[in-house]
């Protein structure tokens, strides 16, 4: 489902953040996931600043790659990451 507002974008980023934090609590220190968490937090912080958000698009690509590897069976998170990308590309 397409993200229609900044509020929805922030909510989806929070859901993905929580899922990534769960990975860390289950597995311990995973440097790639820790980096993804930092990138997700930066995306959340920039959600209401379209120019900054667009500049962070490569960070979302890194997050998608890392979480795609770490959560290969979690299609919901992968779909949410794609929705975040579409929001940045077409609505920010």
C-alpha atoms as a PDB file:
ATOM      1  CA  UNK A   1       0.000   0.000   0.000  1.00  0.00           C
ATOM      2  CA  UNK A   2       1.406   3.378  -0.974  1.00  0.00           C
ATOM      3  CA  UNK A   3       2.411   5.751   1.781  1.00  0.00           C
ATOM      4  CA  UNK A   4       0.345   8.915   1.484  1.00  0.00           C
ATOM      5  CA  UNK A   5       1.676  11.203   4.218  1.00  0.00           C
ATOM      6  CA  UNK A   6       4.701  12.074   6.285  1.00  0.00           C
ATOM      7  CA  UNK A   7       2.984  10.611   9.327  1.00  0.00           C
ATOM      8  CA  UNK A   8       2.561   7.272   7.574  1.00  0.00           C
ATOM      9  CA  UNK A   9       6.206   7.412   6.456  1.00  0.00           C
ATOM     10  CA  UNK A  10       7.330   7.980  10.049  1.00  0.00           C
ATOM     11  CA  UNK A  11       5.121   5.134  11.306  1.00  0.00           C
ATOM     12  CA  UNK A  12       6.559   2.689   8.751  1.00  0.00           C
ATOM     13  CA  UNK A  13      10.130   3.749   9.565  1.00  0.00           C
ATOM     14  CA  UNK A  14       9.344   3.100  13.245  1.00  0.00           C
ATOM     15  CA  UNK A  15       7.995  -0.383  12.450  1.00  0.00           C
ATOM     16  CA  UNK A  16      11.151  -1.241  10.520  1.00  0.00           C
ATOM     17  CA  UNK A  17      13.308   0.232  13.305  1.00  0.00           C
ATOM     18  CA  UNK A  18      11.579  -1.981  15.857  1.00  0.00           C
ATOM     19  CA  UNK A  19      12.075  -5.061  13.688  1.00  0.00           C
ATOM     20  CA  UNK A  20      15.785  -4.280  13.261  1.00  0.00           C
ATOM     21  CA  UNK A  21      16.132  -3.716  17.014  1.00  0.00           C
ATOM     22  CA  UNK A  22      14.530  -7.107  17.577  1.00  0.00           C
ATOM     23  CA  UNK A  23      17.204  -8.677  15.361  1.00  0.00           C
ATOM     24  CA  UNK A  24      19.885  -7.110  17.547  1.00  0.00           C
ATOM     25  CA  UNK A  25      18.236  -8.274  20.755  1.00  0.00           C
ATOM     26  CA  UNK A  26      17.982 -11.824  19.373  1.00  0.00           C
ATOM     27  CA  UNK A  27      21.445 -12.056  17.805  1.00  0.00           C
ATOM     28  CA  UNK A  28      23.564  -9.629  19.756  1.00  0.00           C
ATOM     29  CA  UNK A  29      25.895  -7.234  18.013  1.00  0.00           C
ATOM     30  CA  UNK A  30      25.532  -7.269  14.238  1.00  0.00           C
ATOM     31  CA  UNK A  31      27.482  -4.279  12.842  1.00  0.00           C
ATOM     32  CA  UNK A  32      25.541  -4.189   9.552  1.00  0.00           C
ATOM     33  CA  UNK A  33      22.207  -4.058  11.388  1.00  0.00           C
ATOM     34  CA  UNK A  34      23.537  -1.414  13.755  1.00  0.00           C
ATOM     35  CA  UNK A  35      24.446   0.691  10.701  1.00  0.00           C
ATOM     36  CA  UNK A  36      20.978   0.109   9.269  1.00  0.00           C
ATOM     37  CA  UNK A  37      19.469   1.360  12.530  1.00  0.00           C
ATOM     38  CA  UNK A  38      21.503   4.571  12.280  1.00  0.00           C
ATOM     39  CA  UNK A  39      20.379   5.049   8.673  1.00  0.00           C
ATOM     40  CA  UNK A  40      16.735   4.424   9.614  1.00  0.00           C
ATOM     41  CA  UNK A  41      16.973   6.973  12.413  1.00  0.00           C
ATOM     42  CA  UNK A  42      18.416   9.513   9.969  1.00  0.00           C
ATOM     43  CA  UNK A  43      15.510   8.825   7.593  1.00  0.00           C
ATOM     44  CA  UNK A  44      13.020   9.336  10.419  1.00  0.00           C
ATOM     45  CA  UNK A  45      14.705  12.581  11.453  1.00  0.00           C
ATOM     46  CA  UNK A  46      14.594  13.874   7.854  1.00  0.00           C
ATOM     47  CA  UNK A  47      11.002  12.820   7.138  1.00  0.00           C
ATOM     48  CA  UNK A  48       9.679  16.390   7.264  1.00  0.00           C
ATOM     49  CA  UNK A  49      12.575  17.839   5.250  1.00  0.00           C
ATOM     50  CA  UNK A  50      12.033  16.692   1.640  1.00  0.00           C
ATOM     51  CA  UNK A  51      15.424  17.777   0.274  1.00  0.00           C
ATOM     52  CA  UNK A  52      17.303  16.061   3.077  1.00  0.00           C
ATOM     53  CA  UNK A  53      15.098  12.980   2.764  1.00  0.00           C
ATOM     54  CA  UNK A  54      15.832  12.684  -0.961  1.00  0.00           C
ATOM     55  CA  UNK A  55      19.547  12.982  -0.205  1.00  0.00           C
ATOM     56  CA  UNK A  56      19.212   9.995   2.124  1.00  0.00           C
ATOM     57  CA  UNK A  57      17.788   7.724  -0.584  1.00  0.00           C
ATOM     58  CA  UNK A  58      21.125   5.824  -0.870  1.00  0.00           C
ATOM     59  CA  UNK A  59      20.948   5.158   2.881  1.00  0.00           C
ATOM     60  CA  UNK A  60      17.569   3.487   2.375  1.00  0.00           C
ATOM     61  CA  UNK A  61      19.125   1.324  -0.340  1.00  0.00           C
ATOM     62  CA  UNK A  62      21.784   0.198   2.155  1.00  0.00           C
ATOM     63  CA  UNK A  63      19.128  -0.546   4.770  1.00  0.00           C
ATOM     64  CA  UNK A  64      17.119  -2.556   2.243  1.00  0.00           C
ATOM     65  CA  UNK A  65      20.185  -4.574   1.280  1.00  0.00           C
ATOM     66  CA  UNK A  66      21.222  -5.296   4.881  1.00  0.00           C
ATOM     67  CA  UNK A  67      17.762  -6.150   6.164  1.00  0.00           C
ATOM     68  CA  UNK A  68      17.039  -8.151   3.028  1.00  0.00           C
ATOM     69  CA  UNK A  69      20.007 -10.350   3.929  1.00  0.00           C
ATOM     70  CA  UNK A  70      19.325 -10.477   7.659  1.00  0.00           C
ATOM     71  CA  UNK A  71      15.536 -10.942   7.390  1.00  0.00           C
ATOM     72  CA  UNK A  72      15.296 -12.874   4.153  1.00  0.00           C
ATOM     73  CA  UNK A  73      12.005 -14.526   5.132  1.00  0.00           C
ATOM     74  CA  UNK A  74      10.296 -11.374   6.416  1.00  0.00           C
ATOM     75  CA  UNK A  75       8.402 -10.185   3.340  1.00  0.00           C
ATOM     76  CA  UNK A  76       6.430  -7.622   5.341  1.00  0.00           C
ATOM     77  CA  UNK A  77       9.568  -5.656   6.243  1.00  0.00           C
ATOM     78  CA  UNK A  78      10.858  -5.892   2.678  1.00  0.00           C
ATOM     79  CA  UNK A  79       7.539  -4.567   1.355  1.00  0.00           C
ATOM     80  CA  UNK A  80       7.653  -1.728   3.875  1.00  0.00           C
ATOM     81  CA  UNK A  81      11.160  -0.805   2.746  1.00  0.00           C
ATOM     82  CA  UNK A  82       9.995  -0.703  -0.879  1.00  0.00           C
ATOM     83  CA  UNK A  83       7.070   1.520   0.163  1.00  0.00           C
ATOM     84  CA  UNK A  84       9.494   3.881   1.922  1.00  0.00           C
ATOM     85  CA  UNK A  85      11.567   4.076  -1.248  1.00  0.00           C
ATOM     86  CA  UNK A  86       8.514   4.825  -3.365  1.00  0.00           C
ATOM     87  CA  UNK A  87       7.503   7.585  -0.955  1.00  0.00           C
ATOM     88  CA  UNK A  88      10.931   9.215  -1.214  1.00  0.00           C
ATOM     89  CA  UNK A  89      10.982   8.873  -5.004  1.00  0.00           C
ATOM     90  CA  UNK A  90       7.483  10.110  -5.730  1.00  0.00           C
ATOM     91  CA  UNK A  91       6.122  12.114  -2.799  1.00  0.00           C
ATOM     92  CA  UNK A  92       9.008  13.766  -0.953  1.00  0.00           C
END
